[in-house]
Amino acid sequence: MEVIVKEKTENSLLLTFKGVDLGFFYLLSRELLEDKNVANAWARKPHLLIDEVEFFVATKEGDALKIVEEKISEIQKKFLKIKKDIEKIAKI
C-alpha cells in the first residue's frame, strides 16, 4: 500500500491510497462524522479503472491527522471485541 499526502493544512487532510479497498475508508469516514470536532469526512474512488482511493477529513478544531489516528484505534478496539465475541460463540 502506498500513501500520498495530497494536501495538509492546519485542520484538513487529503490523502491518496494506492492498492487498498474503499470499504475501510467508508467506515472511517462514518466514524469521523460522528465526532463533534469533525466538519467533514469522505472517501471516494476517483476512477473505476485506477487502483486508488482518496480520503479527506476536515476538523472544526484540532489536528486532523491526530483525530484520524484516534478513530482508527477506536475501530480496532471495536473489531477486537467482535472477534472475542465470535470466539466465545465458536466455543459453545
Protein backbone atom coordinates (compact mmCIF):
# COMPACT_ATOMS: atom_id res chain seq x y z
CA MET A 1 0.00 0.00 0.00
CA GLU A 2 1.27 3.42 -0.95
CA VAL A 3 0.11 6.60 0.82
CA ILE A 4 0.42 10.02 -0.79
CA VAL A 5 -0.28 13.25 1.10
CA LYS A 6 -2.02 15.44 -1.46
CA GLU A 7 -2.85 18.30 0.90
CA LYS A 8 -2.32 19.00 4.59
CA THR A 9 -3.43 22.17 6.32
CA GLU A 10 -3.91 23.16 9.93
CA ASN A 11 -7.33 21.49 10.06
CA SER A 12 -7.64 19.27 6.99
CA LEU A 13 -6.00 16.32 5.33
CA LEU A 14 -6.34 14.84 1.84
CA LEU A 15 -4.64 11.51 1.25
CA THR A 16 -4.46 9.11 -1.67
CA PHE A 17 -4.02 5.38 -1.03
CA LYS A 18 -2.93 3.00 -3.76
CA GLY A 19 -3.73 -0.69 -3.64
CA VAL A 20 -6.43 -0.62 -0.95
CA ASP A 21 -10.17 -1.18 -0.82
CA LEU A 22 -12.67 1.64 -0.40
CA GLY A 23 -14.67 -0.18 2.30
CA PHE A 24 -12.44 0.63 5.26
CA PHE A 25 -12.37 4.30 4.34
CA TYR A 26 -16.17 4.43 4.21
CA LEU A 27 -16.19 3.03 7.74
CA LEU A 28 -13.54 5.51 8.88
CA SER A 29 -15.43 8.43 7.31
CA ARG A 30 -18.63 7.41 9.06
CA GLU A 31 -16.89 7.17 12.42
CA LEU A 32 -15.22 10.54 11.90
CA LEU A 33 -18.51 12.24 11.02
CA GLU A 34 -19.88 11.20 14.42
CA ASP A 35 -17.10 13.22 16.12
CA LYS A 36 -18.16 16.73 17.15
CA ASN A 37 -14.75 18.12 16.15
CA VAL A 38 -15.02 16.89 12.56
CA ALA A 39 -16.56 19.23 9.98
CA ASN A 40 -16.39 16.85 7.01
CA ALA A 41 -15.01 13.46 6.03
CA TRP A 42 -15.32 11.42 2.87
CA ALA A 43 -13.73 8.70 0.81
CA ARG A 44 -14.02 8.16 -2.91
CA LYS A 45 -12.56 6.25 -5.81
CA PRO A 46 -11.73 8.92 -8.41
CA HIS A 47 -11.89 6.50 -11.33
CA LEU A 48 -13.07 2.90 -11.58
CA LEU A 49 -10.05 1.77 -13.57
CA ILE A 50 -7.44 3.36 -11.30
CA ASP A 51 -6.46 1.44 -8.16
CA GLU A 52 -6.53 4.31 -5.70
CA VAL A 53 -8.78 5.81 -3.04
CA GLU A 54 -8.92 9.44 -1.92
CA PHE A 55 -9.66 10.16 1.73
CA PHE A 56 -10.45 13.61 3.14
CA VAL A 57 -11.09 14.92 6.63
CA ALA A 58 -11.60 18.49 7.87
CA THR A 59 -11.87 19.41 11.51
CA LYS A 60 -13.58 22.27 13.30
CA GLU A 61 -10.71 22.27 15.77
CA GLY A 62 -7.77 20.01 16.42
CA ASP A 63 -5.24 18.21 14.25
CA ALA A 64 -6.92 16.18 11.50
CA LEU A 65 -4.21 13.51 11.48
CA LYS A 66 -4.42 13.01 15.25
CA ILE A 67 -8.21 12.62 15.10
CA VAL A 68 -7.89 10.08 12.26
CA GLU A 69 -5.35 8.09 14.29
CA GLU A 70 -7.68 8.10 17.33
CA LYS A 71 -10.63 6.89 15.23
CA ILE A 72 -8.55 4.09 13.70
CA SER A 73 -7.65 2.95 17.23
CA GLU A 74 -11.33 3.03 18.24
CA ILE A 75 -12.27 0.95 15.18
CA GLN A 76 -9.53 -1.57 16.02
CA LYS A 77 -10.92 -1.92 19.56
CA LYS A 78 -14.44 -2.49 18.22
CA PHE A 79 -13.20 -5.21 15.86
CA LEU A 80 -11.21 -6.89 18.64
CA LYS A 81 -14.36 -7.01 20.77
CA ILE A 82 -16.32 -8.52 17.87
CA LYS A 83 -13.55 -11.07 17.37
CA LYS A 84 -13.65 -12.05 21.06
CA ASP A 85 -17.45 -12.35 20.94
CA ILE A 86 -17.24 -14.61 17.89
CA GLU A 87 -14.57 -16.74 19.54
CA LYS A 88 -16.87 -17.20 22.56
CA ILE A 89 -19.70 -18.29 20.29
CA ALA A 90 -17.39 -20.73 18.48
CA LYS A 91 -16.57 -22.43 21.81
CA ILE A 92 -20.24 -23.17 22.54
